[in-house]
PDB file of N, CA and C in Angstrom:
ATOM      1  N   MET A   1      81.571 109.614 149.539  1.00  0.00           N
ATOM      2  CA  MET A   1      82.466 109.936 148.293  1.00  0.00           C
ATOM      3  C   MET A   1      82.151 111.314 147.938  1.00  0.00           C
ATOM      4  N   HIS A   2      83.476 111.870 147.481  1.00  0.00           N
ATOM      5  CA  HIS A   2      83.558 113.390 147.317  1.00  0.00           C
ATOM      6  C   HIS A   2      83.113 113.558 145.747  1.00  0.00           C
ATOM      7  N   GLU A   3      82.508 115.030 145.560  1.00  0.00           N
ATOM      8  CA  GLU A   3      81.902 115.078 144.240  1.00  0.00           C
ATOM      9  C   GLU A   3      82.801 114.964 143.011  1.00  0.00           C
ATOM     10  N   TRP A   4      84.136 114.978 143.332  1.00  0.00           N
ATOM     11  CA  TRP A   4      85.085 114.853 142.098  1.00  0.00           C
ATOM     12  C   TRP A   4      85.267 113.281 141.904  1.00  0.00           C
ATOM     13  N   GLU A   5      84.972 112.463 142.753  1.00  0.00           N
ATOM     14  CA  GLU A   5      85.654 111.009 142.352  1.00  0.00           C
ATOM     15  C   GLU A   5      84.987 110.648 141.066  1.00  0.00           C
ATOM     16  N   GLN A   6      83.654 111.046 140.962  1.00  0.00           N
ATOM     17  CA  GLN A   6      83.024 110.450 139.796  1.00  0.00           C
ATOM     18  C   GLN A   6      83.606 110.766 138.426  1.00  0.00           C
ATOM     19  N   TYR A   7      84.442 111.882 138.375  1.00  0.00           N
ATOM     20  CA  TYR A   7      84.985 112.517 137.299  1.00  0.00           C
ATOM     21  C   TYR A   7      86.511 111.887 137.164  1.00  0.00           C
ATOM     22  N   ARG A   8      87.084 110.992 138.023  1.00  0.00           N
ATOM     23  CA  ARG A   8      88.293 110.697 138.044  1.00  0.00           C
ATOM     24  C   ARG A   8      88.735 109.837 136.961  1.00  0.00           C
ATOM     25  N   ASP A   9      87.875 108.902 136.444  1.00  0.00           N
ATOM     26  CA  ASP A   9      88.276 108.339 135.214  1.00  0.00           C
ATOM     27  C   ASP A   9      88.270 109.144 133.891  1.00  0.00           C
ATOM     28  N   ARG A  10      87.862 110.376 133.857  1.00  0.00           N
ATOM     29  CA  ARG A  10      88.040 111.165 132.654  1.00  0.00           C
ATOM     30  C   ARG A  10      89.309 111.761 132.518  1.00  0.00           C
ATOM     31  N   TYR A  11      90.100 111.449 133.808  1.00  0.00           N
ATOM     32  CA  TYR A  11      91.494 112.207 133.847  1.00  0.00           C
ATOM     33  C   TYR A  11      92.666 111.336 133.582  1.00  0.00           C
ATOM     34  N   THR A  12      92.326 110.124 133.006  1.00  0.00           N
ATOM     35  CA  THR A  12      93.291 109.178 133.067  1.00  0.00           C
ATOM     36  C   THR A  12      94.747 109.793 132.054  1.00  0.00           C
ATOM     37  N   GLN A  13      94.614 110.724 131.224  1.00  0.00           N
ATOM     38  CA  GLN A  13      95.664 111.306 130.634  1.00  0.00           C
ATOM     39  C   GLN A  13      96.302 112.395 131.429  1.00  0.00           C
ATOM     40  N   ARG A  14      95.648 113.051 132.429  1.00  0.00           N
ATOM     41  CA  ARG A  14      95.786 114.129 133.197  1.00  0.00           C
ATOM     42  C   ARG A  14      95.612 114.170 134.638  1.00  0.00           C
ATOM     43  N   VAL A  15      96.291 112.797 135.117  1.00  0.00           N
ATOM     44  CA  VAL A  15      96.135 112.476 136.788  1.00  0.00           C
ATOM     45  C   VAL A  15      96.652 113.558 137.403  1.00  0.00           C
ATOM     46  N   GLY A  16      97.819 114.232 137.019  1.00  0.00           N
ATOM     47  CA  GLY A  16      98.302 115.388 137.852  1.00  0.00           C
ATOM     48  C   GLY A  16      97.226 116.560 137.783  1.00  0.00           C
ATOM     49  N   THR A  17      96.863 116.870 136.749  1.00  0.00           N
ATOM     50  CA  THR A  17      95.736 117.855 136.487  1.00  0.00           C
ATOM     51  C   THR A  17      94.473 117.674 137.469  1.00  0.00           C
ATOM     52  N   PHE A  18      94.052 116.402 137.556  1.00  0.00           N
ATOM     53  CA  PHE A  18      93.024 116.117 138.352  1.00  0.00           C
ATOM     54  C   PHE A  18      93.253 116.383 139.752  1.00  0.00           C
ATOM     55  N   GLU A  19      94.482 115.856 140.135  1.00  0.00           N
ATOM     56  CA  GLU A  19      94.878 116.028 141.617  1.00  0.00           C
ATOM     57  C   GLU A  19      94.923 117.517 141.914  1.00  0.00           C
ATOM     58  N   ALA A  20      95.630 118.276 140.941  1.00  0.00           N
ATOM     59  CA  ALA A  20      95.782 119.716 141.359  1.00  0.00           C
ATOM     60  C   ALA A  20      94.390 120.531 141.436  1.00  0.00           C
ATOM     61  N   TYR A  21      93.450 119.987 140.538  1.00  0.00           N
ATOM     62  CA  TYR A  21      91.887 120.394 140.610  1.00  0.00           C
ATOM     63  C   TYR A  21      91.500 120.369 142.117  1.00  0.00           C
ATOM     64  N   VAL A  22      91.424 118.938 142.661  1.00  0.00           N
ATOM     65  CA  VAL A  22      91.018 118.445 143.842  1.00  0.00           C
ATOM     66  C   VAL A  22      91.693 119.477 145.042  1.00  0.00           C
ATOM     67  N   GLU A  23      93.037 119.557 144.762  1.00  0.00           N
ATOM     68  CA  GLU A  23      93.854 120.299 145.775  1.00  0.00           C
ATOM     69  C   GLU A  23      93.211 121.650 146.026  1.00  0.00           C
ATOM     70  N   VAL A  24      93.461 122.587 144.814  1.00  0.00           N
ATOM     71  CA  VAL A  24      92.816 123.762 144.831  1.00  0.00           C
ATOM     72  C   VAL A  24      91.586 124.002 145.250  1.00  0.00           C
ATOM     73  N   TRP A  25      90.517 123.061 144.798  1.00  0.00           N
ATOM     74  CA  TRP A  25      89.218 123.145 145.410  1.00  0.00           C
ATOM     75  C   TRP A  25      89.277 123.020 146.900  1.00  0.00           C
ATOM     76  N   GLN A  26      89.762 122.238 147.595  1.00  0.00           N
ATOM     77  CA  GLN A  26      89.785 122.017 148.996  1.00  0.00           C
ATOM     78  C   GLN A  26      90.295 123.055 149.592  1.00  0.00           C
ATOM     79  N   ARG A  27      91.257 123.903 149.079  1.00  0.00           N
ATOM     80  CA  ARG A  27      92.102 124.874 149.925  1.00  0.00           C
ATOM     81  C   ARG A  27      91.772 126.244 149.612  1.00  0.00           C
ATOM     82  N   ASN A  28      91.111 126.563 148.284  1.00  0.00           N
ATOM     83  CA  ASN A  28      90.932 127.920 147.983  1.00  0.00           C
ATOM     84  C   ASN A  28      89.308 128.182 148.137  1.00  0.00           C
ATOM     85  N   ARG A  29      89.100 128.987 149.011  1.00  0.00           N
ATOM     86  CA  ARG A  29      87.852 129.670 149.337  1.00  0.00           C
ATOM     87  C   ARG A  29      87.117 130.431 148.049  1.00  0.00           C
ATOM     88  N   THR A  30      87.834 131.145 147.225  1.00  0.00           N
ATOM     89  CA  THR A  30      87.385 131.664 146.165  1.00  0.00           C
ATOM     90  C   THR A  30      86.743 130.769 145.290  1.00  0.00           C
ATOM     91  N   ALA A  31      87.576 129.652 144.909  1.00  0.00           N
ATOM     92  CA  ALA A  31      86.917 128.651 144.056  1.00  0.00           C
ATOM     93  C   ALA A  31      85.714 127.921 144.488  1.00  0.00           C
ATOM     94  N   GLN A  32      85.622 127.714 145.799  1.00  0.00           N
ATOM     95  CA  GLN A  32      84.468 127.214 146.422  1.00  0.00           C
ATOM     96  C   GLN A  32      83.412 128.150 146.370  1.00  0.00           C
ATOM     97  N   GLN A  33      83.518 129.369 146.760  1.00  0.00           N
ATOM     98  CA  GLN A  33      82.537 130.408 146.591  1.00  0.00           C
ATOM     99  C   GLN A  33      81.905 130.778 145.186  1.00  0.00           C
ATOM    100  N   ARG A  34      82.877 130.952 144.382  1.00  0.00           N
ATOM    101  CA  ARG A  34      82.517 131.481 142.983  1.00  0.00           C
ATOM    102  C   ARG A  34      81.996 130.530 142.037  1.00  0.00           C
ATOM    103  N   PHE A  35      82.309 129.208 142.250  1.00  0.00           N
ATOM    104  CA  PHE A  35      82.046 128.228 141.280  1.00  0.00           C
ATOM    105  C   PHE A  35      80.984 127.494 141.534  1.00  0.00           C
ATOM    106  N   GLY A  36      80.473 127.435 142.773  1.00  0.00           N
ATOM    107  CA  GLY A  36      79.352 126.587 143.193  1.00  0.00           C
ATOM    108  C   GLY A  36      79.532 125.090 143.277  1.00  0.00           C
ATOM    109  N   GLY A  37      80.527 124.412 142.435  1.00  0.00           N
ATOM    110  CA  GLY A  37      80.805 122.858 142.317  1.00  0.00           C
ATOM    111  C   GLY A  37      82.142 122.646 141.906  1.00  0.00           C
ATOM    112  N   TRP A  38      82.704 121.493 142.232  1.00  0.00           N
ATOM    113  CA  TRP A  38      84.039 121.056 141.658  1.00  0.00           C
ATOM    114  C   TRP A  38      83.928 121.105 140.285  1.00  0.00           C
ATOM    115  N   SER A  39      82.712 120.423 139.562  1.00  0.00           N
ATOM    116  CA  SER A  39      82.727 120.382 138.226  1.00  0.00           C
ATOM    117  C   SER A  39      82.836 121.394 137.473  1.00  0.00           C
ATOM    118  N   ILE A  40      82.017 122.544 137.645  1.00  0.00           N
ATOM    119  CA  ILE A  40      82.246 123.897 137.042  1.00  0.00           C
ATOM    120  C   ILE A  40      83.574 124.296 137.141  1.00  0.00           C
ATOM    121  N   PHE A  41      84.145 124.249 138.258  1.00  0.00           N
ATOM    122  CA  PHE A  41      85.445 124.842 138.549  1.00  0.00           C
ATOM    123  C   PHE A  41      86.582 124.152 137.525  1.00  0.00           C
ATOM    124  N   SER A  42      86.516 122.827 137.542  1.00  0.00           N
ATOM    125  CA  SER A  42      87.272 121.930 136.726  1.00  0.00           C
ATOM    126  C   SER A  42      87.099 122.357 135.227  1.00  0.00           C
ATOM    127  N   ARG A  43      86.207 122.364 134.785  1.00  0.00           N
ATOM    128  CA  ARG A  43      85.591 122.836 133.365  1.00  0.00           C
ATOM    129  C   ARG A  43      86.105 124.138 132.965  1.00  0.00           C
ATOM    130  N   CYS A  44      86.005 125.133 133.919  1.00  0.00           N
ATOM    131  CA  CYS A  44      86.591 126.427 133.565  1.00  0.00           C
ATOM    132  C   CYS A  44      88.082 126.333 133.521  1.00  0.00           C
ATOM    133  N   ALA A  45      88.756 125.582 134.508  1.00  0.00           N
ATOM    134  CA  ALA A  45      90.149 125.512 134.682  1.00  0.00           C
ATOM    135  C   ALA A  45      90.868 124.710 133.519  1.00  0.00           C
ATOM    136  N   SER A  46      90.121 123.862 133.092  1.00  0.00           N
ATOM    137  CA  SER A  46      90.447 123.299 131.715  1.00  0.00           C
ATOM    138  C   SER A  46      90.012 123.917 130.452  1.00  0.00           C
ATOM    139  N   ALA A  47      89.559 125.151 130.540  1.00  0.00           N
ATOM    140  CA  ALA A  47      89.165 125.971 129.296  1.00  0.00           C
ATOM    141  C   ALA A  47      88.624 125.107 128.395  1.00  0.00           C
ATOM    142  N   GLU A  48      87.424 124.485 128.575  1.00  0.00           N
ATOM    143  CA  GLU A  48      86.705 123.679 127.862  1.00  0.00           C
ATOM    144  C   GLU A  48      86.022 124.634 126.947  1.00  0.00           C
ATOM    145  N   PRO A  49      86.043 124.275 125.382  1.00  0.00           N
ATOM    146  CA  PRO A  49      85.626 125.305 124.448  1.00  0.00           C
ATOM    147  C   PRO A  49      84.144 125.998 124.803  1.00  0.00           C
ATOM    148  N   ALA A  50      83.163 125.041 125.325  1.00  0.00           N
ATOM    149  CA  ALA A  50      81.804 125.515 125.655  1.00  0.00           C
ATOM    150  C   ALA A  50      82.101 126.747 126.897  1.00  0.00           C
ATOM    151  N   MET A  51      82.895 126.367 127.851  1.00  0.00           N
ATOM    152  CA  MET A  51      83.078 127.498 129.082  1.00  0.00           C
ATOM    153  C   MET A  51      83.856 128.676 128.435  1.00  0.00           C
ATOM    154  N   GLN A  52      84.691 128.520 127.469  1.00  0.00           N
ATOM    155  CA  GLN A  52      85.476 129.593 126.972  1.00  0.00           C
ATOM    156  C   GLN A  52      84.436 130.600 126.175  1.00  0.00           C
ATOM    157  N   ARG A  53      83.391 130.005 125.580  1.00  0.00           N
ATOM    158  CA  ARG A  53      82.309 130.589 124.703  1.00  0.00           C
ATOM    159  C   ARG A  53      81.400 131.156 125.593  1.00  0.00           C
ATOM    160  N   GLU A  54      80.991 130.525 126.530  1.00  0.00           N
ATOM    161  CA  GLU A  54      79.764 130.817 127.421  1.00  0.00           C
ATOM    162  C   GLU A  54      80.035 131.629 128.608  1.00  0.00           C
ATOM    163  N   GLN A  55      81.265 131.359 129.179  1.00  0.00           N
ATOM    164  CA  GLN A  55      81.422 131.927 130.449  1.00  0.00           C
ATOM    165  C   GLN A  55      83.125 132.352 130.587  1.00  0.00           C
ATOM    166  N   PRO A  56      83.567 133.158 129.627  1.00  0.00           N
ATOM    167  CA  PRO A  56      85.001 133.386 129.609  1.00  0.00           C
ATOM    168  C   PRO A  56      85.289 134.123 130.835  1.00  0.00           C
ATOM    169  N   GLU A  57      84.585 134.803 131.661  1.00  0.00           N
ATOM    170  CA  GLU A  57      85.185 135.594 132.784  1.00  0.00           C
ATOM    171  C   GLU A  57      85.396 134.494 133.956  1.00  0.00           C
ATOM    172  N   ARG A  58      84.527 133.404 133.953  1.00  0.00           N
ATOM    173  CA  ARG A  58      84.848 132.336 134.885  1.00  0.00           C
ATOM    174  C   ARG A  58      85.853 131.556 134.589  1.00  0.00           C
ATOM    175  N   VAL A  59      86.314 131.335 133.165  1.00  0.00           N
ATOM    176  CA  VAL A  59      87.458 130.434 132.790  1.00  0.00           C
ATOM    177  C   VAL A  59      88.768 131.301 133.298  1.00  0.00           C
ATOM    178  N   ALA A  60      88.605 132.768 133.116  1.00  0.00           N
ATOM    179  CA  ALA A  60      89.919 133.530 133.576  1.00  0.00           C
ATOM    180  C   ALA A  60      90.008 133.408 135.132  1.00  0.00           C
ATOM    181  N   LEU A  61      88.727 133.358 135.672  1.00  0.00           N
ATOM    182  CA  LEU A  61      88.855 133.560 137.349  1.00  0.00           C
ATOM    183  C   LEU A  61      89.456 132.123 137.625  1.00  0.00           C
ATOM    184  N   ALA A  62      89.202 131.008 136.996  1.00  0.00           N
ATOM    185  CA  ALA A  62      89.797 129.807 137.263  1.00  0.00           C
ATOM    186  C   ALA A  62      91.017 129.536 137.091  1.00  0.00           C
ATOM    187  N   GLU A  63      91.696 130.073 135.855  1.00  0.00           N
ATOM    188  CA  GLU A  63      92.871 130.519 135.604  1.00  0.00           C
ATOM    189  C   GLU A  63      93.621 131.093 136.864  1.00  0.00           C
ATOM    190  N   GLU A  64      93.261 132.154 137.129  1.00  0.00           N
ATOM    191  CA  GLU A  64      93.627 132.948 138.157  1.00  0.00           C
ATOM    192  C   GLU A  64      94.036 132.314 139.477  1.00  0.00           C
ATOM    193  N   VAL A  65      92.708 131.587 140.008  1.00  0.00           N
ATOM    194  CA  VAL A  65      93.018 130.778 141.132  1.00  0.00           C
ATOM    195  C   VAL A  65      93.919 129.666 140.982  1.00  0.00           C
ATOM    196  N   MET A  66      93.952 128.925 139.947  1.00  0.00           N
ATOM    197  CA  MET A  66      95.131 127.992 139.816  1.00  0.00           C
ATOM    198  C   MET A  66      96.359 128.761 139.933  1.00  0.00           C
ATOM    199  N   ARG A  67      96.671 129.686 139.326  1.00  0.00           N
ATOM    200  CA  ARG A  67      98.009 130.344 139.348  1.00  0.00           C
ATOM    201  C   ARG A  67      98.422 130.898 140.669  1.00  0.00           C
ATOM    202  N   SER A  68      97.089 131.389 141.446  1.00  0.00           N
ATOM    203  CA  SER A  68      97.442 131.709 142.868  1.00  0.00           C
ATOM    204  C   SER A  68      97.951 130.661 143.666  1.00  0.00           C
ATOM    205  N   GLU A  69      97.564 129.317 143.413  1.00  0.00           N
ATOM    206  CA  GLU A  69      97.820 128.070 144.071  1.00  0.00           C
ATOM    207  C   GLU A  69      99.167 127.490 143.610  1.00  0.00           C
ATOM    208  N   GLY A  70      99.869 128.334 142.832  1.00  0.00           N
ATOM    209  CA  GLY A  70     101.118 127.509 142.536  1.00  0.00           C
ATOM    210  C   GLY A  70     101.230 126.877 141.236  1.00  0.00           C
ATOM    211  N   TYR A  71     100.231 126.901 140.432  1.00  0.00           N
ATOM    212  CA  TYR A  71     100.143 126.101 139.175  1.00  0.00           C
ATOM    213  C   TYR A  71     100.316 126.891 137.772  1.00  0.00           C
ATOM    214  N   THR A  72     101.018 126.373 136.718  1.00  0.00           N
ATOM    215  CA  THR A  72     101.029 126.882 135.559  1.00  0.00           C
ATOM    216  C   THR A  72     100.566 125.935 134.639  1.00  0.00           C
ATOM    217  N   ILE A  73     100.072 126.348 133.341  1.00  0.00           N
ATOM    218  CA  ILE A  73      99.522 125.786 132.508  1.00  0.00           C
ATOM    219  C   ILE A  73     100.759 124.872 131.888  1.00  0.00           C
ATOM    220  N   GLY A  74     100.465 123.575 131.615  1.00  0.00           N
ATOM    221  CA  GLY A  74     101.548 122.817 131.114  1.00  0.00           C
ATOM    222  C   GLY A  74     101.262 122.337 129.630  1.00  0.00           C
ATOM    223  N   PRO A  75     101.835 121.426 129.171  1.00  0.00           N
ATOM    224  CA  PRO A  75     101.721 121.001 127.711  1.00  0.00           C
ATOM    225  C   PRO A  75     100.317 120.479 127.623  1.00  0.00           C
ATOM    226  N   SER A  76      99.638 120.554 126.410  1.00  0.00           N
ATOM    227  CA  SER A  76      98.261 119.992 125.956  1.00  0.00           C
ATOM    228  C   SER A  76      98.680 118.502 126.067  1.00  0.00           C
ATOM    229  N   THR A  77      97.702 117.750 126.198  1.00  0.00           N
ATOM    230  CA  THR A  77      97.672 116.457 125.856  1.00  0.00           C
ATOM    231  C   THR A  77      97.537 116.105 124.335  1.00  0.00           C
ATOM    232  N   ALA A  78      97.833 114.912 123.913  1.00  0.00           N
ATOM    233  CA  ALA A  78      97.730 114.579 122.386  1.00  0.00           C
ATOM    234  C   ALA A  78      96.308 114.867 121.808  1.00  0.00           C
ATOM    235  N   ARG A  79      95.434 114.923 122.508  1.00  0.00           N
ATOM    236  CA  ARG A  79      93.921 115.440 122.101  1.00  0.00           C
ATOM    237  C   ARG A  79      93.452 116.791 122.552  1.00  0.00           C
ATOM    238  N   GLY A  80      94.712 117.643 122.917  1.00  0.00           N
ATOM    239  CA  GLY A  80      94.528 119.039 123.085  1.00  0.00           C
ATOM    240  C   GLY A  80      93.749 119.366 124.284  1.00  0.00           C
ATOM    241  N   ALA A  81      93.838 118.486 125.430  1.00  0.00           N
ATOM    242  CA  ALA A  81      93.367 118.866 126.728  1.00  0.00           C
ATOM    243  C   ALA A  81      94.471 119.557 127.618  1.00  0.00           C
ATOM    244  N   ARG A  82      94.057 120.431 128.323  1.00  0.00           N
ATOM    245  CA  ARG A  82      94.814 121.503 129.115  1.00  0.00           C
ATOM    246  C   ARG A  82      95.384 120.745 130.318  1.00  0.00           C
ATOM    247  N   THR A  83      96.829 120.807 130.671  1.00  0.00           N
ATOM    248  CA  THR A  83      97.296 120.235 131.826  1.00  0.00           C
ATOM    249  C   THR A  83      97.709 121.407 132.668  1.00  0.00           C
ATOM    250  N   TRP A  84      97.715 121.130 134.024  1.00  0.00           N
ATOM    251  CA  TRP A  84      98.360 122.079 134.930  1.00  0.00           C
ATOM    252  C   TRP A  84      99.544 121.450 135.660  1.00  0.00           C
ATOM    253  N   VAL A  85     100.516 122.210 135.997  1.00  0.00           N
ATOM    254  CA  VAL A  85     101.706 121.572 136.572  1.00  0.00           C
ATOM    255  C   VAL A  85     102.044 122.670 137.740  1.00  0.00           C
ATOM    256  N   ARG A  86     102.724 121.954 138.898  1.00  0.00           N
ATOM    257  CA  ARG A  86     103.181 122.857 139.858  1.00  0.00           C
ATOM    258  C   ARG A  86     104.366 123.603 139.332  1.00  0.00           C
ATOM    259  N   ARG A  87     104.335 124.969 139.455  1.00  0.00           N
ATOM    260  CA  ARG A  87     105.247 125.809 139.210  1.00  0.00           C
ATOM    261  C   ARG A  87     106.461 125.667 140.129  1.00  0.00           C
ATOM    262  N   ARG A  88     107.573 125.803 139.449  1.00  0.00           N
ATOM    263  CA  ARG A  88     108.973 125.403 140.223  1.00  0.00           C
ATOM    264  C   ARG A  88     108.957 126.940 140.990  1.00  0.00           C
ATOM    265  N   SER A  89     109.671 126.574 142.132  1.00  0.00           N
ATOM    266  CA  SER A  89     110.160 127.636 142.898  1.00  0.00           C
ATOM    267  C   SER A  89     111.425 128.321 142.365  1.00  0.00           C
ATOM    268  N   SER A  90     111.596 129.764 142.490  1.00  0.00           N
ATOM    269  CA  SER A  90     112.618 130.435 141.889  1.00  0.00           C
ATOM    270  C   SER A  90     113.739 130.397 142.954  1.00  0.00           C
ATOM    271  N   ASN A  91     113.383 130.071 144.322  1.00  0.00           N
ATOM    272  CA  ASN A  91     114.401 130.017 145.463  1.00  0.00           C
ATOM    273  C   ASN A  91     115.053 128.752 145.266  1.00  0.00           C
ATOM    274  N   PRO A  92     116.642 128.900 145.351  1.00  0.00           N
ATOM    275  CA  PRO A  92     117.242 127.717 145.530  1.00  0.00           C
ATOM    276  C   PRO A  92     117.313 127.026 146.823  1.00  0.00           C
ATOM    277  N   GLY A  93     117.345 125.674 146.766  1.00  0.00           N
ATOM    278  CA  GLY A  93     117.479 125.044 148.086  1.00  0.00           C
ATOM    279  C   GLY A  93     116.234 124.842 148.581  1.00  0.00           C
TER     280      GLY A  93
END
């Protein structure tokens, strides 16, 4: 079982965001090398309040990694949780 599977049930309102974190984690060497684990990466990319307070530079890095992989911050959930959505291509066709 992959490290992230234990957290899947926490993302029932953000399934696409969970899948984005998994995809980016598996593909992006910077994420793997700089965060030490999927959980910390996802917490930073989600901009959890504790991470914003304690590790703002890592939150910024996680945001940069997500954007570099084609994602943009989407609308927040009803409870205020961050979502990430695939950025649309500006190229027609």
